[in-house]
Amino acid sequence: MPWLSLTFGIGSDHIDWVSDRLLEQGALSVDVHDAGEGTSKEQPLFGEPGMPLEQFWQQAEVTVLLEENANVDEILRAIAEITGSSVLPEYRLARVMEQDWVRLTQAQFDPIRISSRLWIVPSWHELPDSSAINLRLDPGLAFGTGSHPTTRLCLTWLDQFLHPGDSVLDYGCGSGILAIAALKLGAARVTGVDIDPNAITASLDNARNNFCGTDRLSFATALSSLDSEGSGTEWLPATVVVANILANPLIMLAPVLMKALQPGGHIVLSGILDTQADEVLQVYSEWADMHIAAREQGWVLLAGQKSVDNKP
């Protein structure tokens, strides 16, 4: 069954009102995006959870999916009414044919080469290098497919600096990708922690798909719940703590993460924008000698070693 795709420009002040009206009039979906997307005028937006964005796109565009028999003129008149315009907005109208959306979605995710020995491979792809460490990971319920710069930064650090026999805490584990990678790279003991139960479900599924035994790998919604779940925390504090979250949560969690790290152990932090790096560095410098270890696409990876005199 075909559909109609209607695209038009809009000012940021009217986006919520127009989106609500379109949905009331039977729109199947409403997508708001940067009108300059893919050009030199593209305007990236970033924000922390629970906090309003300080800005919005200067030139926004709306694409709405409609039933094939939708009254486009009536919808355009409603948009003009909301925006206070006496003329109908300029628009593009296209016919969208029914497609195999699963295959189209899968086509967006190719194997990702982290290093010569480490790959992230969706389950529907052949292994690009059967002799490498191949993590089977599909897009799912939780963050972490290897496609985001912060995930790649953390994976690269683990690939380069993790020592066989290390114990690793992955705080904010999401899909479990960092925890699973650490285990495959030789860690003796790994625990992933995430407050979202869906993330724990995704992590456990991904661990099974990568043939990770539960004797060396566990997941929990809080460190305090590990003992009650029979996993034990006798191996903590860890020799490596990695957290790929966001700057504000990392700042608040600093005492917790550093307590979970052995003196002389390594702390690895990402989910931090270049502009936020100094603030996070300052907070963690109370416990460790921190530095910017890597950068990619405006994101940074911070790493440091906890002072041997700094007891957990």
C-alpha atoms as a PDB file:
ATOM      1  CA  MET A   1       0.000   0.000   0.000  1.00  0.00           C
ATOM      2  CA  PRO A   2       1.483   3.399  -0.971  1.00  0.00           C
ATOM      3  CA  TRP A   3       1.531   6.517   1.221  1.00  0.00           C
ATOM      4  CA  LEU A   4       2.125  10.238   0.731  1.00  0.00           C
ATOM      5  CA  SER A   5       5.138  12.087   2.092  1.00  0.00           C
ATOM      6  CA  LEU A   6       4.605  15.827   2.621  1.00  0.00           C
ATOM      7  CA  THR A   7       7.646  18.004   3.430  1.00  0.00           C
ATOM      8  CA  PHE A   8       7.648  21.730   4.247  1.00  0.00           C
ATOM      9  CA  GLY A   9       9.738  24.318   6.090  1.00  0.00           C
ATOM     10  CA  ILE A  10       8.676  25.780   9.419  1.00  0.00           C
ATOM     11  CA  GLY A  11       9.820  28.191  12.118  1.00  0.00           C
ATOM     12  CA  SER A  12      10.905  26.670  15.438  1.00  0.00           C
ATOM     13  CA  ASP A  13       8.138  28.524  17.359  1.00  0.00           C
ATOM     14  CA  HIS A  14       5.428  26.573  15.550  1.00  0.00           C
ATOM     15  CA  ILE A  15       6.855  23.054  15.509  1.00  0.00           C
ATOM     16  CA  ASP A  16       4.937  21.625  18.487  1.00  0.00           C
ATOM     17  CA  TRP A  17       1.622  23.183  17.443  1.00  0.00           C
ATOM     18  CA  VAL A  18       1.924  21.983  13.841  1.00  0.00           C
ATOM     19  CA  SER A  19       3.028  18.483  14.878  1.00  0.00           C
ATOM     20  CA  ASP A  20       0.051  18.108  17.225  1.00  0.00           C
ATOM     21  CA  ARG A  21      -2.410  19.336  14.584  1.00  0.00           C
ATOM     22  CA  LEU A  22      -1.006  16.977  11.934  1.00  0.00           C
ATOM     23  CA  LEU A  23      -1.389  13.996  14.240  1.00  0.00           C
ATOM     24  CA  GLU A  24      -4.946  15.080  15.089  1.00  0.00           C
ATOM     25  CA  GLN A  25      -5.706  15.149  11.363  1.00  0.00           C
ATOM     26  CA  GLY A  26      -4.583  11.580  10.852  1.00  0.00           C
ATOM     27  CA  ALA A  27      -0.868  11.842  10.097  1.00  0.00           C
ATOM     28  CA  LEU A  28       0.840   8.452  10.434  1.00  0.00           C
ATOM     29  CA  SER A  29       4.121  10.010  11.543  1.00  0.00           C
ATOM     30  CA  VAL A  30       5.743  13.442  11.895  1.00  0.00           C
ATOM     31  CA  ASP A  31       9.497  13.925  11.547  1.00  0.00           C
ATOM     32  CA  VAL A  32      11.161  17.255  12.410  1.00  0.00           C
ATOM     33  CA  HIS A  33      14.723  17.721  11.218  1.00  0.00           C
ATOM     34  CA  ASP A  34      17.343  20.317  10.346  1.00  0.00           C
ATOM     35  CA  ALA A  35      16.594  21.886   6.956  1.00  0.00           C
ATOM     36  CA  GLY A  36      20.356  22.152   6.431  1.00  0.00           C
ATOM     37  CA  GLU A  37      20.983  18.466   7.157  1.00  0.00           C
ATOM     38  CA  GLY A  38      23.786  17.068   5.008  1.00  0.00           C
ATOM     39  CA  THR A  39      25.008  20.522   3.955  1.00  0.00           C
ATOM     40  CA  SER A  40      27.481  23.076   5.285  1.00  0.00           C
ATOM     41  CA  LYS A  41      24.523  24.742   7.055  1.00  0.00           C
ATOM     42  CA  GLU A  42      23.776  21.686   9.205  1.00  0.00           C
ATOM     43  CA  GLN A  43      23.380  22.662  12.875  1.00  0.00           C
ATOM     44  CA  PRO A  44      24.180  19.880  15.406  1.00  0.00           C
ATOM     45  CA  LEU A  45      22.167  19.962  18.617  1.00  0.00           C
ATOM     46  CA  PHE A  46      23.227  18.327  21.869  1.00  0.00           C
ATOM     47  CA  GLY A  47      21.645  18.276  25.310  1.00  0.00           C
ATOM     48  CA  GLU A  48      21.647  16.460  28.615  1.00  0.00           C
ATOM     49  CA  PRO A  49      18.683  14.302  29.747  1.00  0.00           C
ATOM     50  CA  GLY A  50      16.059  16.266  31.639  1.00  0.00           C
ATOM     51  CA  MET A  51      17.413  19.623  30.530  1.00  0.00           C
ATOM     52  CA  PRO A  52      15.889  21.800  27.778  1.00  0.00           C
ATOM     53  CA  LEU A  53      17.914  22.493  24.658  1.00  0.00           C
ATOM     54  CA  GLU A  54      19.477  25.930  24.728  1.00  0.00           C
ATOM     55  CA  GLN A  55      18.709  26.387  21.048  1.00  0.00           C
ATOM     56  CA  PHE A  56      16.801  24.834  18.177  1.00  0.00           C
ATOM     57  CA  TRP A  57      17.446  24.575  14.463  1.00  0.00           C
ATOM     58  CA  GLN A  58      17.316  27.983  12.846  1.00  0.00           C
ATOM     59  CA  GLN A  59      15.666  26.464   9.775  1.00  0.00           C
ATOM     60  CA  ALA A  60      13.583  23.378  10.504  1.00  0.00           C
ATOM     61  CA  GLU A  61      11.767  21.085   8.124  1.00  0.00           C
ATOM     62  CA  VAL A  62       8.849  18.739   8.751  1.00  0.00           C
ATOM     63  CA  THR A  63       8.138  15.534   6.863  1.00  0.00           C
ATOM     64  CA  VAL A  64       4.748  13.992   7.510  1.00  0.00           C
ATOM     65  CA  LEU A  65       3.575  10.562   6.323  1.00  0.00           C
ATOM     66  CA  LEU A  66      -0.074  10.472   5.220  1.00  0.00           C
ATOM     67  CA  GLU A  67      -2.578   7.984   3.920  1.00  0.00           C
ATOM     68  CA  GLU A  68      -2.708   7.964   0.120  1.00  0.00           C
ATOM     69  CA  ASN A  69      -6.188   9.539   0.077  1.00  0.00           C
ATOM     70  CA  ALA A  70      -5.362  12.317   2.589  1.00  0.00           C
ATOM     71  CA  ASN A  71      -6.647  15.834   1.798  1.00  0.00           C
ATOM     72  CA  VAL A  72      -3.317  17.603   1.340  1.00  0.00           C
ATOM     73  CA  ASP A  73      -4.891  21.026   0.646  1.00  0.00           C
ATOM     74  CA  GLU A  74      -6.815  20.898   3.909  1.00  0.00           C
ATOM     75  CA  ILE A  75      -3.649  19.988   5.813  1.00  0.00           C
ATOM     76  CA  LEU A  76      -1.708  22.838   4.188  1.00  0.00           C
ATOM     77  CA  ARG A  77      -4.465  25.309   5.102  1.00  0.00           C
ATOM     78  CA  ALA A  78      -4.313  24.121   8.730  1.00  0.00           C
ATOM     79  CA  ILE A  79      -0.541  24.701   8.745  1.00  0.00           C
ATOM     80  CA  ALA A  80      -0.979  28.214   7.333  1.00  0.00           C
ATOM     81  CA  GLU A  81      -3.607  28.958   9.990  1.00  0.00           C
ATOM     82  CA  ILE A  82      -1.303  27.908  12.836  1.00  0.00           C
ATOM     83  CA  THR A  83       1.669  29.862  11.515  1.00  0.00           C
ATOM     84  CA  GLY A  84      -0.462  32.935  10.870  1.00  0.00           C
ATOM     85  CA  SER A  85       0.382  32.987   7.174  1.00  0.00           C
ATOM     86  CA  SER A  86      -2.033  34.192   4.499  1.00  0.00           C
ATOM     87  CA  VAL A  87      -0.503  31.835   1.918  1.00  0.00           C
ATOM     88  CA  LEU A  88       0.034  28.098   1.870  1.00  0.00           C
ATOM     89  CA  PRO A  89       3.596  26.956   2.725  1.00  0.00           C
ATOM     90  CA  GLU A  90       5.933  25.793   0.009  1.00  0.00           C
ATOM     91  CA  TYR A  91       6.031  22.015   0.068  1.00  0.00           C
ATOM     92  CA  ARG A  92       7.248  18.815  -1.589  1.00  0.00           C
ATOM     93  CA  LEU A  93       4.910  15.894  -2.098  1.00  0.00           C
ATOM     94  CA  ALA A  94       6.098  12.395  -2.882  1.00  0.00           C
ATOM     95  CA  ARG A  95       4.541   8.960  -3.161  1.00  0.00           C
ATOM     96  CA  VAL A  96       6.077   6.343  -0.849  1.00  0.00           C
ATOM     97  CA  MET A  97       5.720   2.761  -2.038  1.00  0.00           C
ATOM     98  CA  GLU A  98       5.519  -0.196   0.329  1.00  0.00           C
ATOM     99  CA  GLN A  99       8.954  -1.672   0.913  1.00  0.00           C
ATOM    100  CA  ASP A 100      10.751  -4.288   2.970  1.00  0.00           C
ATOM    101  CA  TRP A 101      11.555  -1.938   5.848  1.00  0.00           C
ATOM    102  CA  VAL A 102      13.451  -4.607   7.784  1.00  0.00           C
ATOM    103  CA  ARG A 103      15.915  -5.075   4.924  1.00  0.00           C
ATOM    104  CA  LEU A 104      16.216  -1.315   4.423  1.00  0.00           C
ATOM    105  CA  THR A 105      16.980  -0.820   8.116  1.00  0.00           C
ATOM    106  CA  GLN A 106      19.525  -3.616   8.122  1.00  0.00           C
ATOM    107  CA  ALA A 107      21.249  -2.088   5.095  1.00  0.00           C
ATOM    108  CA  GLN A 108      22.172   0.940   7.244  1.00  0.00           C
ATOM    109  CA  PHE A 109      24.344  -1.197   9.540  1.00  0.00           C
ATOM    110  CA  ASP A 110      27.516  -2.661   8.084  1.00  0.00           C
ATOM    111  CA  PRO A 111      30.365  -4.327   9.984  1.00  0.00           C
ATOM    112  CA  ILE A 112      32.467  -1.764  11.887  1.00  0.00           C
ATOM    113  CA  ARG A 113      36.226  -2.198  12.068  1.00  0.00           C
ATOM    114  CA  ILE A 114      37.554  -1.006  15.425  1.00  0.00           C
ATOM    115  CA  SER A 115      41.064  -2.337  14.838  1.00  0.00           C
ATOM    116  CA  SER A 116      42.872  -5.093  12.953  1.00  0.00           C
ATOM    117  CA  ARG A 117      41.687  -7.584  15.580  1.00  0.00           C
ATOM    118  CA  LEU A 118      38.295  -6.212  16.676  1.00  0.00           C
ATOM    119  CA  TRP A 119      35.075  -5.909  14.620  1.00  0.00           C
ATOM    120  CA  ILE A 120      31.412  -5.198  15.396  1.00  0.00           C
ATOM    121  CA  VAL A 121      29.292  -7.333  13.058  1.00  0.00           C
ATOM    122  CA  PRO A 122      25.457  -7.355  12.734  1.00  0.00           C
ATOM    123  CA  SER A 123      24.035 -10.875  12.805  1.00  0.00           C
ATOM    124  CA  TRP A 124      22.858 -10.738   9.179  1.00  0.00           C
ATOM    125  CA  HIS A 125      26.372 -10.045   7.827  1.00  0.00           C
ATOM    126  CA  GLU A 126      29.135 -12.476   7.010  1.00  0.00           C
ATOM    127  CA  LEU A 127      32.246 -12.101   9.156  1.00  0.00           C
ATOM    128  CA  PRO A 128      34.698  -9.774   7.359  1.00  0.00           C
ATOM    129  CA  ASP A 129      37.639 -11.414   9.168  1.00  0.00           C
ATOM    130  CA  SER A 130      37.002 -14.795  10.771  1.00  0.00           C
ATOM    131  CA  SER A 131      40.363 -14.678  12.564  1.00  0.00           C
ATOM    132  CA  ALA A 132      39.500 -11.428  14.390  1.00  0.00           C
ATOM    133  CA  ILE A 133      37.464 -10.889  17.563  1.00  0.00           C
ATOM    134  CA  ASN A 134      33.975 -10.431  16.086  1.00  0.00           C
ATOM    135  CA  LEU A 135      31.244  -9.057  18.328  1.00  0.00           C
ATOM    136  CA  ARG A 136      27.804  -9.962  17.023  1.00  0.00           C
ATOM    137  CA  LEU A 137      25.578  -6.989  17.853  1.00  0.00           C
ATOM    138  CA  ASP A 138      22.299  -5.765  16.343  1.00  0.00           C
ATOM    139  CA  PRO A 139      20.452  -2.461  16.880  1.00  0.00           C
ATOM    140  CA  GLY A 140      18.012  -3.037  19.701  1.00  0.00           C
ATOM    141  CA  LEU A 141      16.632  -1.791  22.991  1.00  0.00           C
ATOM    142  CA  ALA A 142      19.759  -0.064  24.284  1.00  0.00           C
ATOM    143  CA  PHE A 143      22.507   2.316  23.222  1.00  0.00           C
ATOM    144  CA  GLY A 144      25.693   0.838  21.804  1.00  0.00           C
ATOM    145  CA  THR A 145      26.071  -0.646  18.333  1.00  0.00           C
ATOM    146  CA  GLY A 146      29.584   0.622  17.653  1.00  0.00           C
ATOM    147  CA  SER A 147      28.378   3.252  15.199  1.00  0.00           C
ATOM    148  CA  HIS A 148      28.500   6.192  17.635  1.00  0.00           C
ATOM    149  CA  PRO A 149      31.855   7.967  18.113  1.00  0.00           C
ATOM    150  CA  THR A 150      31.810   7.600  21.904  1.00  0.00           C
ATOM    151  CA  THR A 151      31.363   3.817  21.673  1.00  0.00           C
ATOM    152  CA  ARG A 152      34.187   3.542  19.156  1.00  0.00           C
ATOM    153  CA  LEU A 153      36.438   5.672  21.367  1.00  0.00           C
ATOM    154  CA  CYS A 154      35.873   3.348  24.340  1.00  0.00           C
ATOM    155  CA  LEU A 155      36.317   0.199  22.260  1.00  0.00           C
ATOM    156  CA  THR A 156      39.576   1.538  20.825  1.00  0.00           C
ATOM    157  CA  TRP A 157      40.895   2.263  24.330  1.00  0.00           C
ATOM    158  CA  LEU A 158      39.993  -1.242  25.514  1.00  0.00           C
ATOM    159  CA  ASP A 159      41.617  -2.773  22.435  1.00  0.00           C
ATOM    160  CA  GLN A 160      44.848  -0.837  23.014  1.00  0.00           C
ATOM    161  CA  PHE A 161      45.214  -0.743  26.789  1.00  0.00           C
ATOM    162  CA  LEU A 162      43.229  -3.555  28.454  1.00  0.00           C
ATOM    163  CA  HIS A 163      45.541  -6.179  29.948  1.00  0.00           C
ATOM    164  CA  PRO A 164      44.699  -9.887  30.163  1.00  0.00           C
ATOM    165  CA  GLY A 165      43.466 -10.596  33.671  1.00  0.00           C
ATOM    166  CA  ASP A 166      42.054  -7.112  34.278  1.00  0.00           C
ATOM    167  CA  SER A 167      38.752  -6.789  36.133  1.00  0.00           C
ATOM    168  CA  VAL A 168      36.359  -4.368  34.441  1.00  0.00           C
ATOM    169  CA  LEU A 169      33.294  -2.422  35.539  1.00  0.00           C
ATOM    170  CA  ASP A 170      31.194  -1.025  32.661  1.00  0.00           C
ATOM    171  CA  TYR A 171      28.945   1.570  34.281  1.00  0.00           C
ATOM    172  CA  GLY A 172      25.984   2.509  32.063  1.00  0.00           C
ATOM    173  CA  CYS A 173      26.463  -0.612  29.967  1.00  0.00           C
ATOM    174  CA  GLY A 174      23.559  -0.060  27.524  1.00  0.00           C
ATOM    175  CA  SER A 175      23.730  -2.921  25.021  1.00  0.00           C
ATOM    176  CA  GLY A 176      26.633  -4.522  26.896  1.00  0.00           C
ATOM    177  CA  ILE A 177      29.006  -3.908  23.998  1.00  0.00           C
ATOM    178  CA  LEU A 178      31.909  -2.611  26.102  1.00  0.00           C
ATOM    179  CA  ALA A 179      31.533  -5.317  28.734  1.00  0.00           C
ATOM    180  CA  ILE A 180      31.412  -8.064  26.099  1.00  0.00           C
ATOM    181  CA  ALA A 181      34.381  -6.568  24.240  1.00  0.00           C
ATOM    182  CA  ALA A 182      36.394  -6.404  27.473  1.00  0.00           C
ATOM    183  CA  LEU A 183      35.700 -10.080  28.155  1.00  0.00           C
ATOM    184  CA  LYS A 184      36.664 -11.090  24.602  1.00  0.00           C
ATOM    185  CA  LEU A 185      39.840  -9.003  24.890  1.00  0.00           C
ATOM    186  CA  GLY A 186      40.996 -10.999  27.896  1.00  0.00           C
ATOM    187  CA  ALA A 187      39.478  -9.486  31.044  1.00  0.00           C
ATOM    188  CA  ALA A 188      39.244 -11.949  33.906  1.00  0.00           C
ATOM    189  CA  ARG A 189      36.002 -10.542  35.325  1.00  0.00           C
ATOM    190  CA  VAL A 190      33.498  -8.039  33.918  1.00  0.00           C
ATOM    191  CA  THR A 191      30.319  -6.530  35.310  1.00  0.00           C
ATOM    192  CA  GLY A 192      27.960  -4.224  33.442  1.00  0.00           C
ATOM    193  CA  VAL A 193      25.639  -1.923  35.377  1.00  0.00           C
ATOM    194  CA  ASP A 194      22.706   0.067  33.996  1.00  0.00           C
ATOM    195  CA  ILE A 195      19.674   1.604  35.702  1.00  0.00           C
ATOM    196  CA  ASP A 196      17.450   0.707  32.715  1.00  0.00           C
ATOM    197  CA  PRO A 197      16.078  -2.875  32.944  1.00  0.00           C
ATOM    198  CA  ASN A 198      15.762  -2.904  29.127  1.00  0.00           C
ATOM    199  CA  ALA A 199      19.503  -2.357  28.894  1.00  0.00           C
ATOM    200  CA  ILE A 200      20.144  -5.339  31.154  1.00  0.00           C
ATOM    201  CA  THR A 201      17.826  -7.471  28.988  1.00  0.00           C
ATOM    202  CA  ALA A 202      19.653  -6.346  25.838  1.00  0.00           C
ATOM    203  CA  SER A 203      23.053  -6.943  27.451  1.00  0.00           C
ATOM    204  CA  LEU A 204      22.149 -10.471  28.533  1.00  0.00           C
ATOM    205  CA  ASP A 205      20.814 -11.284  25.043  1.00  0.00           C
ATOM    206  CA  ASN A 206      23.952  -9.913  23.396  1.00  0.00           C
ATOM    207  CA  ALA A 207      26.165 -11.824  25.820  1.00  0.00           C
ATOM    208  CA  ARG A 208      24.410 -15.081  24.934  1.00  0.00           C
ATOM    209  CA  ASN A 209      24.689 -14.310  21.224  1.00  0.00           C
ATOM    210  CA  ASN A 210      28.435 -13.876  21.708  1.00  0.00           C
ATOM    211  CA  PHE A 211      28.790 -17.091  23.741  1.00  0.00           C
ATOM    212  CA  CYS A 212      29.875 -15.316  26.924  1.00  0.00           C
ATOM    213  CA  GLY A 213      29.682 -17.475  30.030  1.00  0.00           C
ATOM    214  CA  THR A 214      28.103 -16.163  33.209  1.00  0.00           C
ATOM    215  CA  ASP A 215      31.074 -17.247  35.319  1.00  0.00           C
ATOM    216  CA  ARG A 216      33.110 -14.192  34.220  1.00  0.00           C
ATOM    217  CA  LEU A 217      30.417 -11.773  33.008  1.00  0.00           C
ATOM    218  CA  SER A 218      27.386 -10.413  34.849  1.00  0.00           C
ATOM    219  CA  PHE A 219      24.919  -7.539  34.567  1.00  0.00           C
ATOM    220  CA  ALA A 220      22.878  -5.711  37.174  1.00  0.00           C
ATOM    221  CA  THR A 221      20.773  -2.579  37.645  1.00  0.00           C
ATOM    222  CA  ALA A 222      23.004  -1.462  40.546  1.00  0.00           C
ATOM    223  CA  LEU A 223      26.283  -2.530  42.116  1.00  0.00           C
ATOM    224  CA  SER A 224      24.470  -3.151  45.398  1.00  0.00           C
ATOM    225  CA  SER A 225      22.198  -5.737  43.741  1.00  0.00           C
ATOM    226  CA  LEU A 226      25.040  -8.016  42.647  1.00  0.00           C
ATOM    227  CA  ASP A 227      25.359  -9.839  45.968  1.00  0.00           C
ATOM    228  CA  SER A 228      21.614 -10.493  46.167  1.00  0.00           C
ATOM    229  CA  GLU A 229      21.701 -11.899  42.641  1.00  0.00           C
ATOM    230  CA  GLY A 230      24.451 -14.321  43.561  1.00  0.00           C
ATOM    231  CA  SER A 231      27.129 -12.745  41.378  1.00  0.00           C
ATOM    232  CA  GLY A 232      29.177 -11.377  44.242  1.00  0.00           C
ATOM    233  CA  THR A 233      31.236  -8.230  44.437  1.00  0.00           C
ATOM    234  CA  GLU A 234      34.322  -9.755  46.022  1.00  0.00           C
ATOM    235  CA  TRP A 235      36.415  -8.814  42.974  1.00  0.00           C
ATOM    236  CA  LEU A 236      35.636  -5.098  43.346  1.00  0.00           C
ATOM    237  CA  PRO A 237      37.204  -2.589  43.238  1.00  0.00           C
ATOM    238  CA  ALA A 238      38.043  -3.110  39.550  1.00  0.00           C
ATOM    239  CA  THR A 239      41.318  -2.485  37.760  1.00  0.00           C
ATOM    240  CA  VAL A 240      39.427  -0.717  34.943  1.00  0.00           C
ATOM    241  CA  VAL A 241      36.219   1.329  35.173  1.00  0.00           C
ATOM    242  CA  VAL A 242      34.680   2.481  31.890  1.00  0.00           C
ATOM    243  CA  ALA A 243      31.606   4.730  31.656  1.00  0.00           C
ATOM    244  CA  ASN A 244      30.153   5.945  28.365  1.00  0.00           C
ATOM    245  CA  ILE A 245      27.245   8.073  29.571  1.00  0.00           C
ATOM    246  CA  LEU A 246      27.037  11.890  29.424  1.00  0.00           C
ATOM    247  CA  ALA A 247      28.938  14.700  31.124  1.00  0.00           C
ATOM    248  CA  ASN A 248      26.436  15.642  33.849  1.00  0.00           C
ATOM    249  CA  PRO A 249      25.813  12.062  35.077  1.00  0.00           C
ATOM    250  CA  LEU A 250      29.567  11.398  34.971  1.00  0.00           C
ATOM    251  CA  ILE A 251      30.197  14.420  37.181  1.00  0.00           C
ATOM    252  CA  MET A 252      27.568  13.292  39.705  1.00  0.00           C
ATOM    253  CA  LEU A 253      28.823   9.697  39.664  1.00  0.00           C
ATOM    254  CA  ALA A 254      32.493  10.571  40.178  1.00  0.00           C
ATOM    255  CA  PRO A 255      32.644   9.442  43.862  1.00  0.00           C
ATOM    256  CA  VAL A 256      30.839   6.174  43.027  1.00  0.00           C
ATOM    257  CA  LEU A 257      33.014   5.326  40.027  1.00  0.00           C
ATOM    258  CA  MET A 258      36.270   6.193  41.755  1.00  0.00           C
ATOM    259  CA  LYS A 259      35.320   4.139  44.817  1.00  0.00           C
ATOM    260  CA  ALA A 260      34.777   1.164  42.489  1.00  0.00           C
ATOM    261  CA  LEU A 261      38.309   1.586  41.046  1.00  0.00           C
ATOM    262  CA  GLN A 262      41.453   0.135  42.603  1.00  0.00           C
ATOM    263  CA  PRO A 263      44.360   2.451  43.436  1.00  0.00           C
ATOM    264  CA  GLY A 264      46.543   2.391  40.340  1.00  0.00           C
ATOM    265  CA  GLY A 265      43.556   1.363  38.203  1.00  0.00           C
ATOM    266  CA  HIS A 266      42.393   3.090  35.045  1.00  0.00           C
ATOM    267  CA  ILE A 267      39.242   5.219  34.629  1.00  0.00           C
ATOM    268  CA  VAL A 268      37.867   5.651  31.079  1.00  0.00           C
ATOM    269  CA  LEU A 269      35.068   8.159  30.418  1.00  0.00           C
ATOM    270  CA  SER A 270      33.159   9.158  27.288  1.00  0.00           C
ATOM    271  CA  GLY A 271      29.843  10.647  26.221  1.00  0.00           C
ATOM    272  CA  ILE A 272      31.547  14.002  26.721  1.00  0.00           C
ATOM    273  CA  LEU A 273      31.580  16.876  24.253  1.00  0.00           C
ATOM    274  CA  ASP A 274      34.802  18.771  23.599  1.00  0.00           C
ATOM    275  CA  THR A 275      33.313  21.804  25.330  1.00  0.00           C
ATOM    276  CA  GLN A 276      32.538  19.776  28.480  1.00  0.00           C
ATOM    277  CA  ALA A 277      35.925  18.090  28.836  1.00  0.00           C
ATOM    278  CA  ASP A 278      37.567  20.635  31.159  1.00  0.00           C
ATOM    279  CA  GLU A 279      34.735  20.489  33.696  1.00  0.00           C
ATOM    280  CA  VAL A 280      34.801  16.674  33.858  1.00  0.00           C
ATOM    281  CA  LEU A 281      38.604  16.627  34.015  1.00  0.00           C
ATOM    282  CA  GLN A 282      38.556  19.015  36.954  1.00  0.00           C
ATOM    283  CA  VAL A 283      36.126  16.854  38.934  1.00  0.00           C
ATOM    284  CA  TYR A 284      37.993  13.575  38.411  1.00  0.00           C
ATOM    285  CA  SER A 285      41.428  15.128  39.001  1.00  0.00           C
ATOM    286  CA  GLU A 286      40.665  14.885  42.732  1.00  0.00           C
ATOM    287  CA  TRP A 287      41.337  11.141  42.463  1.00  0.00           C
ATOM    288  CA  ALA A 288      43.319  10.564  39.271  1.00  0.00           C
ATOM    289  CA  ASP A 289      45.803  12.034  36.826  1.00  0.00           C
ATOM    290  CA  MET A 290      43.377  12.664  33.939  1.00  0.00           C
ATOM    291  CA  HIS A 291      43.897  13.622  30.304  1.00  0.00           C
ATOM    292  CA  ILE A 292      42.078  13.741  26.980  1.00  0.00           C
ATOM    293  CA  ALA A 293      43.063  10.428  25.414  1.00  0.00           C
ATOM    294  CA  ALA A 294      41.228  10.724  22.076  1.00  0.00           C
ATOM    295  CA  ARG A 295      38.756  12.810  20.085  1.00  0.00           C
ATOM    296  CA  GLU A 296      36.239  12.034  17.350  1.00  0.00           C
ATOM    297  CA  GLN A 297      33.567  14.219  15.724  1.00  0.00           C
ATOM    298  CA  GLY A 298      33.327  16.667  18.626  1.00  0.00           C
ATOM    299  CA  TRP A 299      33.326  13.947  21.323  1.00  0.00           C
ATOM    300  CA  VAL A 300      36.228  13.156  23.653  1.00  0.00           C
ATOM    301  CA  LEU A 301      37.503  10.204  25.635  1.00  0.00           C
ATOM    302  CA  LEU A 302      39.008  11.010  29.033  1.00  0.00           C
ATOM    303  CA  ALA A 303      41.343   8.546  30.699  1.00  0.00           C
ATOM    304  CA  GLY A 304      43.413   8.529  33.841  1.00  0.00           C
ATOM    305  CA  GLN A 305      45.080   6.408  36.485  1.00  0.00           C
ATOM    306  CA  LYS A 306      43.965   6.521  40.101  1.00  0.00           C
ATOM    307  CA  SER A 307      46.656   7.527  42.549  1.00  0.00           C
ATOM    308  CA  VAL A 308      48.078   4.591  44.496  1.00  0.00           C
ATOM    309  CA  ASP A 309      47.700   6.703  47.618  1.00  0.00           C
ATOM    310  CA  ASN A 310      43.998   7.224  46.967  1.00  0.00           C
ATOM    311  CA  LYS A 311      42.217   4.415  48.775  1.00  0.00           C
ATOM    312  CA  PRO A 312      38.752   3.306  47.577  1.00  0.00           C
END
